[in-house]
Structure formats: C-alpha cells, structure tokens
Amino acid sequence: MANPEPIVPPRILVNNKLRSEILHFCCMASRLSTPIIEKATKLISGKYQNKKDINKEF
C-alpha cells in the first residue's frame, strides 16, 4: 500500500500566504520610505538652511 500524500492543514497554507504578503508589504514600504529617509538625512546634515527650503523639498 503506497503512502498517501501528507495532508497539509489549511492553517499552514494560510500562514505561508500571509507571511509572503507581509514580506511583500515590507519590501514595498522600505522602497517607499527610502526618499523620506534621504530627505531626513539631508535635513539632519544641514542641507536645508530654513523652513522654506524644507517645505519646497517635501
């Protein structure tokens, strides 16, 4: 008698799908936040001399 294929509980399938969606979301979020981080770094390093420059850039 051949061994039947192991039955994967639906919960595990859902967890794997959720995990991949979370990873995808994190990648998208990091891609979107990169320009904000660059602007904040420039701001901290003193590129912007006054508030008007900041508002113009953002």
Protein backbone atom coordinates (compact mmCIF):
# COMPACT_ATOMS: atom_id res chain seq x y z
CA MET A 1 0.00 0.00 0.00
CA ALA A 2 1.51 3.32 -1.10
CA ASN A 3 1.85 6.10 1.40
CA PRO A 4 -0.77 8.77 0.85
CA GLU A 5 0.46 12.30 0.24
CA PRO A 6 0.80 14.21 3.51
CA ILE A 7 -2.22 16.38 4.08
CA VAL A 8 -1.25 19.98 4.74
CA PRO A 9 -3.64 21.67 7.14
CA PRO A 10 -5.25 24.78 5.63
CA ARG A 11 -3.94 26.83 8.54
CA ILE A 12 -0.33 26.28 7.41
CA LEU A 13 -1.21 27.28 3.85
CA VAL A 14 -2.81 30.47 5.15
CA ASN A 15 0.23 31.21 7.32
CA ASN A 16 2.58 30.80 4.35
CA LYS A 17 0.43 33.07 2.19
CA LEU A 18 0.20 35.65 4.96
CA ARG A 19 3.95 35.52 5.53
CA SER A 20 4.65 36.15 1.84
CA GLU A 21 2.19 39.07 1.84
CA ILE A 22 3.86 40.56 4.92
CA LEU A 23 7.28 40.24 3.26
CA HIS A 24 5.93 41.87 0.11
CA PHE A 25 4.44 44.71 2.15
CA CYS A 26 7.72 45.25 4.00
CA CYS A 27 9.62 45.41 0.71
CA MET A 28 7.16 47.94 -0.70
CA ALA A 29 7.26 50.01 2.48
CA SER A 30 11.06 50.11 2.51
CA ARG A 31 11.10 51.10 -1.16
CA LEU A 32 8.65 53.93 -0.48
CA SER A 33 10.40 55.15 2.65
CA THR A 34 13.85 55.46 1.06
CA PRO A 35 13.29 59.00 -0.34
CA ILE A 36 11.88 60.12 3.02
CA ILE A 37 14.96 58.76 4.79
CA GLU A 38 17.23 60.52 2.28
CA LYS A 39 15.43 63.83 2.86
CA ALA A 40 15.64 63.38 6.62
CA THR A 41 19.37 62.65 6.32
CA LYS A 42 19.90 65.80 4.25
CA LEU A 43 17.84 67.74 6.77
CA ILE A 44 19.96 66.47 9.66
CA SER A 45 23.21 67.09 7.79
CA GLY A 46 22.22 70.73 7.38
CA LYS A 47 21.47 70.92 3.66
CA TYR A 48 18.28 72.87 4.34
CA GLN A 49 19.02 76.25 5.84
CA ASN A 50 15.48 77.36 6.61
CA LYS A 51 11.92 76.11 6.79
CA LYS A 52 11.01 77.35 3.30
CA ASP A 53 13.61 75.01 1.75
CA ILE A 54 12.18 72.08 3.69
CA ASN A 55 8.62 72.74 2.53
CA LYS A 56 9.79 73.16 -1.06
CA GLU A 57 11.54 69.77 -1.00
CA PHE A 58 8.75 67.87 0.73
